[in-house]
Amino acid sequence: MNIKALVAASCLTIAGLASVQAIAGDSDKYVMINGQVVRYEPGKTIVVRGADSREVVYMLSPNVQIPADVKVGRDVTLFTEAGADGTSQLVSRVTTTSVTPEGNVKRTTEDTRTLPSGTTTRTTTTTISGRVEAYEAGKLITITGADGSRTTYMINQTSKLPAGLAVGKTVTIVPADGNVAGSVTYVITDAPQN
């Protein structure tokens, strides 16, 4: 092997190691992947096809909770973080999006975190999005889905609402117990570019 090829190979190896260390050194950063499930082996791996039609295999974190509706053909968002070895990326959170019978967008996120103490926490969050059709302060909010169907949520003293809530706004609701709105936030869309 000539000396130029040996030096070039060494430089590429060092550059590769540097990029892996940069990922491993920032354990609070997630890499987000959107795609369609091609294969799923519970507790082990999930294979996702991205927008570029490439299929990529992702290892599941040992404690990750996967939404029950994950299956082949389902669109998902995966959140990965650096594994203990610092080089692998493990799936630590999975989000699915679906449409409710009422026509509202429903997003379910299963999030598993291992704290520095070694304690594992699991959180399931479900949100519903739609356009505000009716709003009575302190009483109720009704949202309309893409198909025109309506869902009404009760508002109580624990409900968290944004300032200026009004008919016509697009919102995301995190339901609390039963049909009570736990929190309501605005859905902000990017303004069209000229």
N, C-alpha and C. Protein backbone atom coordinates (compact mmCIF):
# COMPACT_ATOMS: atom_id res chain seq x y z
N MET A 1 0.85 -1.17 0.00
CA MET A 1 0.00 0.00 0.00
C MET A 1 0.90 1.24 0.00
N ASN A 2 0.59 2.23 -0.86
CA ASN A 2 1.46 3.40 -0.89
C ASN A 2 1.16 4.33 0.27
N ILE A 3 2.08 5.20 0.58
CA ILE A 3 2.01 6.05 1.77
C ILE A 3 0.83 7.03 1.70
N LYS A 4 0.52 7.55 0.49
CA LYS A 4 -0.60 8.50 0.35
C LYS A 4 -1.92 7.83 0.71
N ALA A 5 -2.14 6.60 0.27
CA ALA A 5 -3.37 5.88 0.57
C ALA A 5 -3.48 5.60 2.06
N LEU A 6 -2.36 5.26 2.71
CA LEU A 6 -2.34 4.98 4.14
C LEU A 6 -2.69 6.23 4.95
N VAL A 7 -2.11 7.38 4.58
CA VAL A 7 -2.40 8.64 5.27
C VAL A 7 -3.86 9.02 5.06
N ALA A 8 -4.39 8.88 3.86
CA ALA A 8 -5.79 9.22 3.58
C ALA A 8 -6.73 8.34 4.40
N ALA A 9 -6.46 7.04 4.46
CA ALA A 9 -7.30 6.12 5.24
C ALA A 9 -7.26 6.48 6.72
N SER A 10 -6.10 6.86 7.23
CA SER A 10 -5.97 7.25 8.64
C SER A 10 -6.79 8.51 8.93
N CYS A 11 -6.74 9.48 8.02
CA CYS A 11 -7.50 10.73 8.20
C CYS A 11 -9.00 10.46 8.21
N LEU A 12 -9.46 9.59 7.31
CA LEU A 12 -10.89 9.25 7.27
C LEU A 12 -11.32 8.55 8.55
N THR A 13 -10.49 7.67 9.08
CA THR A 13 -10.81 6.96 10.32
C THR A 13 -10.90 7.94 11.48
N ILE A 14 -9.93 8.86 11.58
CA ILE A 14 -9.95 9.84 12.67
C ILE A 14 -11.16 10.75 12.54
N ALA A 15 -11.51 11.19 11.33
CA ALA A 15 -12.69 12.04 11.13
C ALA A 15 -13.95 11.31 11.54
N GLY A 16 -14.05 10.02 11.21
CA GLY A 16 -15.21 9.23 11.60
C GLY A 16 -15.34 9.12 13.11
N LEU A 17 -14.22 8.89 13.80
CA LEU A 17 -14.23 8.80 15.25
C LEU A 17 -14.63 10.13 15.87
N ALA A 18 -14.17 11.24 15.31
CA ALA A 18 -14.51 12.56 15.86
C ALA A 18 -16.00 12.80 15.78
N SER A 19 -16.66 12.41 14.67
CA SER A 19 -18.09 12.66 14.55
C SER A 19 -18.88 11.78 15.52
N VAL A 20 -18.42 10.55 15.76
CA VAL A 20 -19.09 9.69 16.72
C VAL A 20 -18.97 10.28 18.11
N GLN A 21 -17.80 10.80 18.48
CA GLN A 21 -17.61 11.38 19.80
C GLN A 21 -18.49 12.61 19.98
N ALA A 22 -18.68 13.38 18.93
CA ALA A 22 -19.54 14.56 19.04
C ALA A 22 -20.98 14.16 19.36
N ILE A 23 -21.44 13.07 18.76
CA ILE A 23 -22.79 12.58 19.05
C ILE A 23 -22.85 12.06 20.47
N ALA A 24 -21.85 11.26 20.86
CA ALA A 24 -21.86 10.64 22.18
C ALA A 24 -21.70 11.67 23.28
N GLY A 25 -20.98 12.74 23.04
CA GLY A 25 -20.74 13.74 24.07
C GLY A 25 -21.95 14.59 24.37
N ASP A 26 -22.96 14.54 23.57
CA ASP A 26 -24.15 15.37 23.77
C ASP A 26 -25.35 14.47 24.00
N SER A 27 -25.39 13.83 25.18
CA SER A 27 -26.41 12.81 25.45
C SER A 27 -27.82 13.38 25.57
N ASP A 28 -27.96 14.71 25.69
CA ASP A 28 -29.30 15.29 25.80
C ASP A 28 -29.92 15.54 24.44
N LYS A 29 -29.19 15.33 23.37
CA LYS A 29 -29.69 15.57 22.03
C LYS A 29 -30.34 14.31 21.47
N TYR A 30 -31.46 14.51 20.83
CA TYR A 30 -32.15 13.42 20.15
C TYR A 30 -32.00 13.59 18.66
N VAL A 31 -32.00 12.49 17.96
CA VAL A 31 -32.10 12.51 16.52
C VAL A 31 -33.51 12.04 16.21
N MET A 32 -34.24 12.80 15.41
CA MET A 32 -35.63 12.48 15.10
C MET A 32 -35.71 11.91 13.70
N ILE A 33 -36.40 10.78 13.57
CA ILE A 33 -36.54 10.10 12.28
C ILE A 33 -38.01 9.90 11.99
N ASN A 34 -38.47 10.33 10.83
CA ASN A 34 -39.85 10.10 10.40
C ASN A 34 -39.82 9.06 9.29
N GLY A 35 -40.77 8.14 9.32
CA GLY A 35 -40.83 7.16 8.26
C GLY A 35 -41.93 6.14 8.47
N GLN A 36 -41.93 5.15 7.61
CA GLN A 36 -42.95 4.10 7.64
C GLN A 36 -42.31 2.80 8.12
N VAL A 37 -42.99 2.12 9.03
CA VAL A 37 -42.47 0.87 9.58
C VAL A 37 -42.47 -0.21 8.49
N VAL A 38 -41.30 -0.82 8.29
CA VAL A 38 -41.15 -1.90 7.33
C VAL A 38 -41.14 -3.24 8.07
N ARG A 39 -40.43 -3.28 9.19
CA ARG A 39 -40.39 -4.45 10.07
C ARG A 39 -40.31 -3.98 11.50
N TYR A 40 -40.86 -4.77 12.41
CA TYR A 40 -40.81 -4.43 13.81
C TYR A 40 -40.69 -5.70 14.63
N GLU A 41 -39.62 -5.80 15.41
CA GLU A 41 -39.41 -6.94 16.29
C GLU A 41 -39.42 -6.41 17.72
N PRO A 42 -40.56 -6.58 18.44
CA PRO A 42 -40.69 -6.01 19.79
C PRO A 42 -39.49 -6.33 20.68
N GLY A 43 -39.02 -5.29 21.37
CA GLY A 43 -37.91 -5.43 22.29
C GLY A 43 -36.54 -5.46 21.64
N LYS A 44 -36.50 -5.46 20.30
CA LYS A 44 -35.20 -5.57 19.63
C LYS A 44 -34.95 -4.47 18.61
N THR A 45 -35.68 -4.51 17.49
CA THR A 45 -35.41 -3.56 16.41
C THR A 45 -36.69 -3.08 15.75
N ILE A 46 -36.53 -1.95 15.05
CA ILE A 46 -37.60 -1.43 14.20
C ILE A 46 -36.91 -0.96 12.91
N VAL A 47 -37.46 -1.33 11.78
CA VAL A 47 -36.92 -0.93 10.49
C VAL A 47 -37.88 0.08 9.88
N VAL A 48 -37.35 1.24 9.52
CA VAL A 48 -38.17 2.35 9.02
C VAL A 48 -37.68 2.76 7.64
N ARG A 49 -38.64 3.01 6.73
CA ARG A 49 -38.33 3.54 5.40
C ARG A 49 -38.61 5.04 5.42
N GLY A 50 -37.57 5.82 5.13
CA GLY A 50 -37.69 7.27 5.15
C GLY A 50 -38.20 7.82 3.84
N ALA A 51 -38.27 9.14 3.75
CA ALA A 51 -38.76 9.82 2.54
C ALA A 51 -37.86 9.54 1.34
N ASP A 52 -36.59 9.21 1.61
CA ASP A 52 -35.66 8.91 0.52
C ASP A 52 -35.74 7.45 0.07
N SER A 53 -36.71 6.69 0.59
CA SER A 53 -36.97 5.28 0.29
C SER A 53 -35.90 4.33 0.83
N ARG A 54 -34.97 4.84 1.63
CA ARG A 54 -33.97 3.97 2.26
C ARG A 54 -34.56 3.33 3.49
N GLU A 55 -34.24 2.07 3.70
CA GLU A 55 -34.66 1.36 4.91
C GLU A 55 -33.50 1.34 5.88
N VAL A 56 -33.78 1.73 7.14
CA VAL A 56 -32.73 1.77 8.15
C VAL A 56 -33.21 0.99 9.37
N VAL A 57 -32.31 0.18 9.93
CA VAL A 57 -32.60 -0.62 11.12
C VAL A 57 -32.20 0.19 12.34
N TYR A 58 -33.09 0.30 13.33
CA TYR A 58 -32.81 0.99 14.58
C TYR A 58 -32.98 0.02 15.73
N MET A 59 -32.02 0.04 16.65
CA MET A 59 -32.08 -0.79 17.85
C MET A 59 -32.98 -0.09 18.87
N LEU A 60 -33.81 -0.86 19.55
CA LEU A 60 -34.69 -0.30 20.57
C LEU A 60 -33.97 -0.28 21.91
N SER A 61 -34.13 0.81 22.64
CA SER A 61 -33.60 0.90 23.99
C SER A 61 -34.25 -0.21 24.82
N PRO A 62 -33.53 -0.83 25.77
CA PRO A 62 -34.09 -1.94 26.52
C PRO A 62 -35.41 -1.61 27.25
N ASN A 63 -35.59 -0.36 27.64
CA ASN A 63 -36.78 0.00 28.41
C ASN A 63 -37.83 0.76 27.62
N VAL A 64 -37.64 0.93 26.31
CA VAL A 64 -38.56 1.75 25.53
C VAL A 64 -39.96 1.12 25.49
N GLN A 65 -40.97 1.96 25.61
CA GLN A 65 -42.36 1.54 25.47
C GLN A 65 -42.82 1.96 24.08
N ILE A 66 -43.41 1.06 23.36
CA ILE A 66 -43.85 1.32 21.99
C ILE A 66 -45.37 1.42 21.98
N PRO A 67 -45.96 2.45 21.33
CA PRO A 67 -47.42 2.52 21.25
C PRO A 67 -48.00 1.23 20.67
N ALA A 68 -49.13 0.82 21.19
CA ALA A 68 -49.75 -0.44 20.79
C ALA A 68 -50.10 -0.49 19.31
N ASP A 69 -50.29 0.68 18.68
CA ASP A 69 -50.70 0.67 17.28
C ASP A 69 -49.52 0.68 16.29
N VAL A 70 -48.29 0.46 16.77
CA VAL A 70 -47.15 0.36 15.85
C VAL A 70 -47.19 -0.99 15.15
N LYS A 71 -47.19 -0.93 13.82
CA LYS A 71 -47.21 -2.14 13.00
C LYS A 71 -46.65 -1.80 11.63
N VAL A 72 -46.42 -2.81 10.82
CA VAL A 72 -45.89 -2.61 9.47
C VAL A 72 -46.85 -1.71 8.69
N GLY A 73 -46.28 -0.71 8.00
CA GLY A 73 -47.07 0.22 7.20
C GLY A 73 -47.44 1.49 7.95
N ARG A 74 -47.25 1.51 9.25
CA ARG A 74 -47.62 2.66 10.10
C ARG A 74 -46.56 3.74 10.02
N ASP A 75 -46.97 5.00 9.90
CA ASP A 75 -46.04 6.12 9.95
C ASP A 75 -45.70 6.40 11.41
N VAL A 76 -44.40 6.57 11.68
CA VAL A 76 -43.95 6.82 13.04
C VAL A 76 -42.89 7.91 13.04
N THR A 77 -42.67 8.47 14.21
CA THR A 77 -41.53 9.34 14.45
C THR A 77 -40.73 8.67 15.56
N LEU A 78 -39.45 8.40 15.29
CA LEU A 78 -38.57 7.80 16.27
C LEU A 78 -37.64 8.88 16.82
N PHE A 79 -37.36 8.80 18.10
CA PHE A 79 -36.38 9.67 18.73
C PHE A 79 -35.25 8.77 19.23
N THR A 80 -34.03 9.01 18.76
CA THR A 80 -32.91 8.19 19.18
C THR A 80 -31.94 9.02 19.99
N GLU A 81 -31.20 8.34 20.85
CA GLU A 81 -30.16 9.00 21.62
C GLU A 81 -28.97 8.06 21.70
N ALA A 82 -27.82 8.60 22.06
CA ALA A 82 -26.60 7.81 22.10
C ALA A 82 -26.73 6.68 23.11
N GLY A 83 -26.27 5.49 22.72
CA GLY A 83 -26.27 4.35 23.61
C GLY A 83 -25.13 4.45 24.61
N ALA A 84 -25.06 3.52 25.55
CA ALA A 84 -24.04 3.53 26.59
C ALA A 84 -22.63 3.44 26.02
N ASP A 85 -22.49 2.80 24.86
CA ASP A 85 -21.16 2.67 24.25
C ASP A 85 -20.72 3.95 23.54
N GLY A 86 -21.64 4.90 23.41
CA GLY A 86 -21.30 6.18 22.79
C GLY A 86 -21.29 6.18 21.27
N THR A 87 -21.43 5.02 20.66
CA THR A 87 -21.40 4.98 19.19
C THR A 87 -22.73 4.59 18.59
N SER A 88 -23.53 3.80 19.29
CA SER A 88 -24.81 3.37 18.73
C SER A 88 -25.90 4.37 19.08
N GLN A 89 -26.94 4.38 18.25
CA GLN A 89 -28.11 5.21 18.49
C GLN A 89 -29.27 4.28 18.84
N LEU A 90 -29.87 4.48 20.01
CA LEU A 90 -30.97 3.64 20.46
C LEU A 90 -32.27 4.42 20.42
N VAL A 91 -33.36 3.77 20.00
CA VAL A 91 -34.67 4.41 19.99
C VAL A 91 -35.16 4.49 21.43
N SER A 92 -35.46 5.72 21.89
CA SER A 92 -35.92 5.91 23.26
C SER A 92 -37.35 6.42 23.33
N ARG A 93 -37.90 6.84 22.19
CA ARG A 93 -39.26 7.36 22.18
C ARG A 93 -39.85 7.13 20.79
N VAL A 94 -41.13 6.77 20.74
CA VAL A 94 -41.82 6.54 19.47
C VAL A 94 -43.15 7.28 19.51
N THR A 95 -43.45 7.99 18.42
CA THR A 95 -44.71 8.71 18.31
C THR A 95 -45.47 8.20 17.09
N THR A 96 -46.77 7.95 17.26
CA THR A 96 -47.62 7.59 16.13
C THR A 96 -48.67 8.68 15.96
N THR A 97 -49.15 8.83 14.74
CA THR A 97 -50.20 9.80 14.45
C THR A 97 -51.33 9.08 13.73
N SER A 98 -52.57 9.35 14.16
CA SER A 98 -53.73 8.74 13.52
C SER A 98 -54.87 9.75 13.51
N VAL A 99 -55.98 9.36 12.95
CA VAL A 99 -57.17 10.22 12.92
C VAL A 99 -58.25 9.51 13.73
N THR A 100 -58.87 10.25 14.65
CA THR A 100 -59.93 9.68 15.49
C THR A 100 -61.19 9.47 14.65
N PRO A 101 -62.16 8.69 15.15
CA PRO A 101 -63.42 8.53 14.42
C PRO A 101 -64.12 9.86 14.14
N GLU A 102 -63.83 10.86 15.00
CA GLU A 102 -64.43 12.18 14.81
C GLU A 102 -63.69 13.00 13.76
N GLY A 103 -62.54 12.47 13.26
CA GLY A 103 -61.80 13.19 12.23
C GLY A 103 -60.70 14.09 12.74
N ASN A 104 -60.39 14.04 14.03
CA ASN A 104 -59.33 14.86 14.60
C ASN A 104 -58.00 14.10 14.56
N VAL A 105 -56.92 14.85 14.45
CA VAL A 105 -55.59 14.24 14.45
C VAL A 105 -55.24 13.85 15.88
N LYS A 106 -54.85 12.58 16.06
CA LYS A 106 -54.50 12.07 17.39
C LYS A 106 -53.05 11.62 17.33
N ARG A 107 -52.24 12.11 18.26
CA ARG A 107 -50.83 11.75 18.32
C ARG A 107 -50.56 11.09 19.67
N THR A 108 -49.96 9.89 19.64
CA THR A 108 -49.63 9.16 20.86
C THR A 108 -48.12 9.02 20.94
N THR A 109 -47.55 9.43 22.07
CA THR A 109 -46.11 9.34 22.29
C THR A 109 -45.85 8.48 23.51
N GLU A 110 -44.99 7.48 23.34
CA GLU A 110 -44.52 6.67 24.46
C GLU A 110 -43.08 7.09 24.70
N ASP A 111 -42.77 7.59 25.89
CA ASP A 111 -41.45 8.10 26.20
C ASP A 111 -40.90 7.34 27.40
N THR A 112 -39.73 6.73 27.24
CA THR A 112 -39.06 6.01 28.33
C THR A 112 -37.73 6.68 28.57
N ARG A 113 -37.46 7.05 29.81
CA ARG A 113 -36.20 7.70 30.15
C ARG A 113 -35.57 6.97 31.33
N THR A 114 -34.25 6.82 31.28
CA THR A 114 -33.52 6.28 32.41
C THR A 114 -32.76 7.44 33.03
N LEU A 115 -33.07 7.73 34.28
CA LEU A 115 -32.45 8.83 34.99
C LEU A 115 -31.05 8.45 35.44
N PRO A 116 -30.19 9.43 35.75
CA PRO A 116 -28.83 9.12 36.22
C PRO A 116 -28.83 8.17 37.43
N SER A 117 -29.88 8.21 38.23
CA SER A 117 -29.98 7.34 39.40
C SER A 117 -30.24 5.88 39.02
N GLY A 118 -30.58 5.66 37.73
CA GLY A 118 -30.89 4.31 37.27
C GLY A 118 -32.39 4.03 37.22
N THR A 119 -33.19 4.93 37.76
CA THR A 119 -34.65 4.79 37.74
C THR A 119 -35.18 5.02 36.33
N THR A 120 -36.10 4.17 35.91
CA THR A 120 -36.69 4.31 34.59
C THR A 120 -38.09 4.90 34.73
N THR A 121 -38.38 5.93 33.92
CA THR A 121 -39.72 6.52 33.92
C THR A 121 -40.36 6.29 32.56
N ARG A 122 -41.66 6.05 32.56
CA ARG A 122 -42.41 5.86 31.31
C ARG A 122 -43.59 6.84 31.30
N THR A 123 -43.74 7.51 30.18
CA THR A 123 -44.83 8.47 30.05
C THR A 123 -45.54 8.23 28.72
N THR A 124 -46.88 8.17 28.76
CA THR A 124 -47.67 8.09 27.55
C THR A 124 -48.46 9.39 27.44
N THR A 125 -48.34 10.05 26.30
CA THR A 125 -49.06 11.30 26.08
C THR A 125 -49.88 11.16 24.80
N THR A 126 -51.16 11.51 24.89
CA THR A 126 -52.03 11.52 23.72
C THR A 126 -52.54 12.94 23.53
N THR A 127 -52.46 13.43 22.30
CA THR A 127 -52.98 14.76 21.99
C THR A 127 -53.95 14.67 20.83
N ILE A 128 -54.92 15.58 20.80
CA ILE A 128 -55.91 15.67 19.74
C ILE A 128 -55.84 17.09 19.17
N SER A 129 -55.81 17.20 17.84
CA SER A 129 -55.75 18.52 17.21
C SER A 129 -56.97 18.77 16.34
N GLY A 130 -57.38 20.03 16.27
CA GLY A 130 -58.50 20.42 15.43
C GLY A 130 -58.73 21.92 15.51
N ARG A 131 -59.74 22.40 14.80
CA ARG A 131 -60.09 23.84 14.76
C ARG A 131 -61.18 24.11 15.78
N VAL A 132 -61.04 25.18 16.55
CA VAL A 132 -62.03 25.52 17.58
C VAL A 132 -63.33 25.94 16.88
N GLU A 133 -64.38 25.17 17.15
CA GLU A 133 -65.71 25.42 16.58
C GLU A 133 -66.55 26.23 17.57
N ALA A 134 -66.41 25.91 18.86
CA ALA A 134 -67.15 26.63 19.91
C ALA A 134 -66.29 26.70 21.16
N TYR A 135 -66.43 27.80 21.88
CA TYR A 135 -65.67 27.96 23.12
C TYR A 135 -66.49 28.77 24.11
N GLU A 136 -66.71 28.19 25.29
CA GLU A 136 -67.38 28.89 26.38
C GLU A 136 -66.40 28.89 27.54
N ALA A 137 -65.87 30.07 27.88
CA ALA A 137 -64.86 30.20 28.92
C ALA A 137 -65.30 29.49 30.20
N GLY A 138 -64.41 28.66 30.73
CA GLY A 138 -64.68 27.95 31.97
C GLY A 138 -65.65 26.79 31.85
N LYS A 139 -66.18 26.53 30.64
CA LYS A 139 -67.18 25.47 30.49
C LYS A 139 -66.78 24.40 29.50
N LEU A 140 -66.59 24.79 28.22
CA LEU A 140 -66.31 23.77 27.20
C LEU A 140 -65.59 24.35 26.00
N ILE A 141 -64.99 23.42 25.25
CA ILE A 141 -64.37 23.75 23.98
C ILE A 141 -64.73 22.63 23.00
N THR A 142 -65.16 23.00 21.81
CA THR A 142 -65.50 22.02 20.77
C THR A 142 -64.55 22.24 19.61
N ILE A 143 -63.91 21.14 19.17
CA ILE A 143 -63.02 21.24 18.01
C ILE A 143 -63.59 20.43 16.85
N THR A 144 -63.28 20.89 15.65
CA THR A 144 -63.76 20.24 14.43
C THR A 144 -62.58 19.60 13.72
N GLY A 145 -62.76 18.35 13.32
CA GLY A 145 -61.72 17.63 12.60
C GLY A 145 -61.76 17.93 11.12
N ALA A 146 -60.83 17.35 10.39
CA ALA A 146 -60.71 17.58 8.95
C ALA A 146 -61.96 17.15 8.19
N ASP A 147 -62.69 16.15 8.72
CA ASP A 147 -63.89 15.66 8.03
C ASP A 147 -65.16 16.40 8.47
N GLY A 148 -65.01 17.42 9.33
CA GLY A 148 -66.16 18.20 9.77
C GLY A 148 -66.82 17.69 11.04
N SER A 149 -66.36 16.56 11.58
CA SER A 149 -66.95 16.05 12.81
C SER A 149 -66.45 16.85 14.01
N ARG A 150 -67.22 16.82 15.10
CA ARG A 150 -66.92 17.65 16.27
C ARG A 150 -66.69 16.79 17.51
N THR A 151 -65.78 17.27 18.36
CA THR A 151 -65.53 16.66 19.67
C THR A 151 -65.55 17.77 20.70
N THR A 152 -66.27 17.55 21.79
CA THR A 152 -66.38 18.56 22.85
C THR A 152 -65.65 18.09 24.10
N TYR A 153 -64.87 18.99 24.68
CA TYR A 153 -64.15 18.73 25.93
C TYR A 153 -64.66 19.71 26.98
N MET A 154 -64.83 19.22 28.19
CA MET A 154 -65.23 20.06 29.30
C MET A 154 -63.99 20.81 29.79
N ILE A 155 -64.20 22.00 30.33
CA ILE A 155 -63.11 22.79 30.91
C ILE A 155 -63.41 22.93 32.39
N ASN A 156 -62.40 22.66 33.23
CA ASN A 156 -62.59 22.84 34.67
C ASN A 156 -61.43 23.67 35.22
N GLN A 157 -61.37 23.79 36.54
CA GLN A 157 -60.37 24.64 37.18
C GLN A 157 -58.93 24.17 36.96
N THR A 158 -58.74 22.90 36.58
CA THR A 158 -57.38 22.40 36.33
C THR A 158 -56.96 22.54 34.87
N SER A 159 -57.89 22.86 33.98
CA SER A 159 -57.56 23.00 32.55
C SER A 159 -56.63 24.19 32.34
N LYS A 160 -55.61 24.00 31.51
CA LYS A 160 -54.67 25.07 31.19
C LYS A 160 -54.96 25.54 29.77
N LEU A 161 -55.35 26.80 29.64
CA LEU A 161 -55.74 27.35 28.34
C LEU A 161 -54.84 28.52 27.96
N PRO A 162 -54.58 28.70 26.67
CA PRO A 162 -53.76 29.84 26.24
C PRO A 162 -54.59 31.13 26.26
N ALA A 163 -53.89 32.25 26.35
CA ALA A 163 -54.55 33.54 26.30
C ALA A 163 -55.15 33.74 24.91
N GLY A 164 -56.29 34.38 24.85
CA GLY A 164 -56.89 34.72 23.57
C GLY A 164 -57.53 33.56 22.83
N LEU A 165 -57.85 32.48 23.54
CA LEU A 165 -58.49 31.33 22.89
C LEU A 165 -59.80 31.79 22.27
N ALA A 166 -60.01 31.43 21.00
CA ALA A 166 -61.20 31.89 20.30
C ALA A 166 -61.57 30.92 19.19
N VAL A 167 -62.81 31.02 18.76
CA VAL A 167 -63.31 30.22 17.64
C VAL A 167 -62.44 30.51 16.41
N GLY A 168 -62.12 29.46 15.66
CA GLY A 168 -61.33 29.60 14.45
C GLY A 168 -59.86 29.26 14.62
N LYS A 169 -59.36 29.26 15.86
CA LYS A 169 -57.96 28.91 16.11
C LYS A 169 -57.78 27.40 15.97
N THR A 170 -56.61 26.97 15.52
CA THR A 170 -56.29 25.55 15.47
C THR A 170 -55.50 25.23 16.73
N VAL A 171 -55.95 24.21 17.45
CA VAL A 171 -55.37 23.89 18.74
C VAL A 171 -55.03 22.41 18.86
N THR A 172 -54.21 22.11 19.85
CA THR A 172 -53.93 20.74 20.26
C THR A 172 -54.37 20.62 21.71
N ILE A 173 -55.15 19.57 21.99
CA ILE A 173 -55.67 19.35 23.34
C ILE A 173 -55.04 18.08 23.90
N VAL A 174 -54.52 18.19 25.12
CA VAL A 174 -54.08 17.01 25.86
C VAL A 174 -55.23 16.70 26.82
N PRO A 175 -55.98 15.62 26.55
CA PRO A 175 -57.10 15.29 27.42
C PRO A 175 -56.63 14.90 28.82
N ALA A 176 -57.43 15.26 29.81
CA ALA A 176 -57.18 14.83 31.19
C ALA A 176 -58.13 13.66 31.44
N ASP A 177 -58.64 13.52 32.64
CA ASP A 177 -59.58 12.44 32.95
C ASP A 177 -60.85 12.58 32.13
N GLY A 178 -61.25 11.46 31.52
CA GLY A 178 -62.49 11.47 30.74
C GLY A 178 -62.41 12.41 29.57
N ASN A 179 -63.42 13.26 29.44
CA ASN A 179 -63.50 14.19 28.32
C ASN A 179 -63.23 15.62 28.79
N VAL A 180 -62.26 15.77 29.70
CA VAL A 180 -61.87 17.09 30.20
C VAL A 180 -60.58 17.51 29.51
N ALA A 181 -60.52 18.76 29.10
CA ALA A 181 -59.31 19.29 28.48
C ALA A 181 -58.28 19.55 29.56
N GLY A 182 -57.17 18.80 29.54
CA GLY A 182 -56.10 19.02 30.51
C GLY A 182 -55.33 20.28 30.17
N SER A 183 -54.90 20.38 28.91
CA SER A 183 -54.25 21.59 28.44
C SER A 183 -54.60 21.81 26.97
N VAL A 184 -54.61 23.06 26.59
CA VAL A 184 -54.91 23.45 25.21
C VAL A 184 -53.77 24.37 24.76
N THR A 185 -53.19 24.07 23.60
CA THR A 185 -52.14 24.92 23.04
C THR A 185 -52.46 25.20 21.58
N TYR A 186 -51.96 26.32 21.09
CA TYR A 186 -52.16 26.66 19.69
C TYR A 186 -51.27 25.83 18.80
N VAL A 187 -51.77 25.47 17.62
CA VAL A 187 -50.96 24.86 16.59
C VAL A 187 -50.48 25.99 15.71
N ILE A 188 -49.17 26.17 15.66
CA ILE A 188 -48.59 27.25 14.87
C ILE A 188 -48.08 26.68 13.57
N THR A 189 -48.53 27.24 12.48
CA THR A 189 -48.08 26.79 11.17
C THR A 189 -47.16 27.87 10.60
N ASP A 190 -46.23 27.43 9.76
CA ASP A 190 -45.32 28.36 9.13
C ASP A 190 -46.09 29.26 8.17
N ALA A 191 -45.75 30.54 8.17
CA ALA A 191 -46.37 31.47 7.25
C ALA A 191 -45.88 31.19 5.83
N PRO A 192 -46.75 31.33 4.84
CA PRO A 192 -46.31 31.10 3.46
C PRO A 192 -45.21 32.08 3.07
N GLN A 193 -44.26 31.58 2.32
CA GLN A 193 -43.17 32.44 1.87
C GLN A 193 -43.48 33.04 0.52
N ASN A 194 -43.12 34.29 0.34
CA ASN A 194 -43.38 34.98 -0.93
C ASN A 194 -42.22 34.81 -1.86
